[in-house]
């Protein structure tokens, strides 16, 4: 898994471009998802998402994916689960202070972000702490629901952090 994760970071520009296109497709599918019911789709979509993102990014399915803001390096792979940058204990060789033979997730994130237009600036945005209630849920469906509702001017319902 680790080798594939590094492969994804090295190809961050292409992976980010693909994800942006995929996101547009998901938002266009919002009316269909709404008709079928997001709750009904959650389990199968989350299973597919976990398989794909688990392979490519060693995803931990936090439900609040920020890969495009972290150079395609999942911050949940950090042993300290830091979402806003390195802990300050990064070794001189760029490895993690906890797992000595693992490159720091945030060093990888910076490298990946340099490959994405606007990526380094995106890393400077402060990320909210992980909402543990969303653990294991599909971030793909969350994005489709939130952005689809923004587009139509409707409320997404049920999510207190959802756009009005």
Protein backbone atom coordinates (compact mmCIF):
# COMPACT_ATOMS: atom_id res chain seq x y z
CA UNK A 1 0.00 0.00 0.00
CA UNK A 2 2.74 2.44 0.91
CA UNK A 3 4.33 2.21 -2.55
CA UNK A 4 1.02 2.96 -4.25
CA UNK A 5 0.43 5.89 -1.87
CA UNK A 6 3.77 7.39 -2.93
CA UNK A 7 2.92 6.71 -6.58
CA UNK A 8 -0.31 8.70 -6.14
CA UNK A 9 1.52 11.63 -4.55
CA UNK A 10 4.06 11.67 -7.39
CA UNK A 11 1.15 11.86 -9.85
CA UNK A 12 -0.83 14.39 -7.80
CA UNK A 13 -1.48 16.73 -10.72
CA UNK A 14 -3.14 14.04 -12.84
CA UNK A 15 -4.95 12.50 -9.88
CA UNK A 16 -6.32 15.91 -8.88
CA UNK A 17 -7.47 16.65 -12.44
CA UNK A 18 -9.23 13.28 -12.58
CA UNK A 19 -10.87 13.91 -9.21
CA UNK A 20 -12.16 17.33 -10.29
CA UNK A 21 -13.82 15.72 -13.32
CA UNK A 22 -15.19 12.90 -11.18
CA UNK A 23 -16.58 15.45 -8.72
CA UNK A 24 -18.44 17.22 -11.54
CA UNK A 25 -20.01 13.89 -12.54
CA UNK A 26 -21.04 13.21 -8.93
CA UNK A 27 -22.69 16.63 -8.64
CA UNK A 28 -24.58 16.05 -11.90
CA UNK A 29 -25.83 12.76 -10.48
CA UNK A 30 -27.27 14.51 -7.40
CA UNK A 31 -30.88 14.39 -8.68
CA UNK A 32 -30.59 10.65 -9.30
CA UNK A 33 -28.92 10.05 -5.94
CA UNK A 34 -31.65 12.08 -4.27
CA UNK A 35 -34.34 10.10 -6.07
CA UNK A 36 -32.77 6.77 -5.07
CA UNK A 37 -32.05 8.03 -1.56
CA UNK A 38 -28.62 8.91 -0.24
CA UNK A 39 -29.12 6.67 2.78
CA UNK A 40 -29.81 3.67 0.53
CA UNK A 41 -26.67 4.37 -1.53
CA UNK A 42 -24.35 4.98 1.43
CA UNK A 43 -23.23 1.40 2.09
CA UNK A 44 -22.45 0.29 -1.50
CA UNK A 45 -20.84 3.60 -2.50
CA UNK A 46 -18.74 3.68 0.68
CA UNK A 47 -17.55 0.13 -0.05
CA UNK A 48 -16.43 1.09 -3.57
CA UNK A 49 -14.87 4.32 -2.30
CA UNK A 50 -12.96 2.45 0.39
CA UNK A 51 -11.62 -0.06 -2.14
CA UNK A 52 -10.51 2.59 -4.65
CA UNK A 53 -9.17 5.20 -2.24
CA UNK A 54 -7.74 2.53 0.06
CA UNK A 55 -5.64 1.20 -2.79
CA UNK A 56 -4.56 4.56 -4.23
CA UNK A 57 -4.16 6.68 -1.10
CA UNK A 58 -4.21 4.25 1.84
CA UNK A 59 -7.47 6.02 2.77
CA UNK A 60 -8.82 5.69 6.32
CA UNK A 61 -12.42 6.62 5.32
CA UNK A 62 -12.75 9.57 7.68
CA UNK A 63 -15.74 10.78 5.64
CA UNK A 64 -14.21 14.25 5.22
CA UNK A 65 -11.67 13.76 2.47
CA UNK A 66 -9.21 16.59 1.85
CA UNK A 67 -6.84 14.80 -0.56
CA UNK A 68 -6.98 17.62 -3.10
CA UNK A 69 -5.86 20.04 -0.36
CA UNK A 70 -2.98 17.84 0.73
CA UNK A 71 -1.28 16.88 -2.51
CA UNK A 72 -3.09 13.52 -2.64
CA UNK A 73 -1.45 12.46 0.63
CA UNK A 74 -4.06 11.38 3.18
CA UNK A 75 -3.35 13.17 6.47
CA UNK A 76 -5.17 10.41 8.35
CA UNK A 77 -2.09 8.24 7.70
CA UNK A 78 -0.21 10.46 10.13
CA UNK A 79 0.24 8.48 13.36
CA UNK A 80 -0.96 11.57 15.22
CA UNK A 81 -3.88 12.13 12.78
CA UNK A 82 -2.84 15.75 12.21
CA UNK A 83 -4.90 17.52 9.53
CA UNK A 84 -3.14 20.90 9.36
CA UNK A 85 0.53 20.20 8.93
CA UNK A 86 3.43 18.33 10.48
CA UNK A 87 3.88 18.01 14.22
CA UNK A 88 7.34 19.54 14.38
CA UNK A 89 8.96 16.19 15.04
CA UNK A 90 9.85 15.48 11.42
CA UNK A 91 13.30 13.94 11.29
CA UNK A 92 16.12 15.52 9.28
CA UNK A 93 15.63 12.89 6.55
CA UNK A 94 11.91 13.79 6.24
CA UNK A 95 10.67 10.72 8.11
CA UNK A 96 8.05 10.55 10.85
CA UNK A 97 9.14 10.89 14.45
CA UNK A 98 6.84 8.02 15.52
CA UNK A 99 7.44 5.51 12.71
CA UNK A 100 11.09 6.03 11.89
CA UNK A 101 11.13 4.33 8.47
CA UNK A 102 7.97 6.08 7.19
CA UNK A 103 8.26 9.38 5.31
CA UNK A 104 6.22 12.10 7.03
CA UNK A 105 2.75 12.31 5.50
CA UNK A 106 3.05 16.10 5.50
CA UNK A 107 6.40 16.11 3.70
CA UNK A 108 4.70 13.95 1.05
CA UNK A 109 1.68 16.30 1.06
CA UNK A 110 3.89 19.30 0.35
CA UNK A 111 5.64 17.46 -2.48
CA UNK A 112 2.28 16.49 -4.00
CA UNK A 113 0.82 19.97 -3.52
CA UNK A 114 3.69 21.50 -5.48
CA UNK A 115 2.51 19.45 -8.46
CA UNK A 116 -1.09 20.73 -8.31
CA UNK A 117 -1.93 24.25 -9.54
CA UNK A 118 -2.85 26.19 -6.39
CA UNK A 119 -1.99 23.19 -4.26
CA UNK A 120 0.46 24.84 -1.88
CA UNK A 121 -2.06 27.63 -1.24
CA UNK A 122 -4.78 25.02 -0.60
CA UNK A 123 -2.59 23.48 2.10
CA UNK A 124 -2.62 26.76 3.99
CA UNK A 125 -6.40 26.57 4.55
CA UNK A 126 -7.14 25.49 8.10
CA UNK A 127 -9.02 22.19 8.17
CA UNK A 128 -11.62 21.42 10.81
CA UNK A 129 -11.00 18.55 13.18
CA UNK A 130 -12.34 15.22 12.00
CA UNK A 131 -15.98 14.64 12.91
CA UNK A 132 -15.80 11.05 14.14
CA UNK A 133 -19.53 10.59 13.42
CA UNK A 134 -18.67 10.55 9.71
CA UNK A 135 -16.06 7.78 10.03
CA UNK A 136 -16.67 5.11 7.38
CA UNK A 137 -19.13 7.22 5.41
CA UNK A 138 -18.71 8.13 1.76
CA UNK A 139 -17.16 11.52 1.17
CA UNK A 140 -18.14 11.14 -2.50
CA UNK A 141 -21.83 11.13 -1.59
CA UNK A 142 -21.33 13.97 0.89
CA UNK A 143 -19.76 16.11 -1.86
CA UNK A 144 -22.52 15.19 -4.33
CA UNK A 145 -25.20 16.08 -1.76
CA UNK A 146 -23.62 19.34 -0.58
CA UNK A 147 -22.59 20.71 -3.96
CA UNK A 148 -25.76 19.43 -5.63
CA UNK A 149 -27.86 21.22 -3.03
CA UNK A 150 -25.78 24.39 -3.44
CA UNK A 151 -26.42 24.24 -7.17
CA UNK A 152 -30.18 23.84 -6.72
CA UNK A 153 -30.44 26.14 -3.70
CA UNK A 154 -31.90 23.39 -1.47
CA UNK A 155 -30.84 22.22 1.99
CA UNK A 156 -29.05 18.88 2.18
CA UNK A 157 -30.92 17.96 5.36
CA UNK A 158 -29.68 16.12 8.40
CA UNK A 159 -26.16 17.51 8.38
CA UNK A 160 -25.71 20.52 10.68
CA UNK A 161 -22.61 21.56 8.72
CA UNK A 162 -24.37 21.34 5.37
CA UNK A 163 -24.85 24.47 3.31
CA UNK A 164 -28.20 26.21 3.67
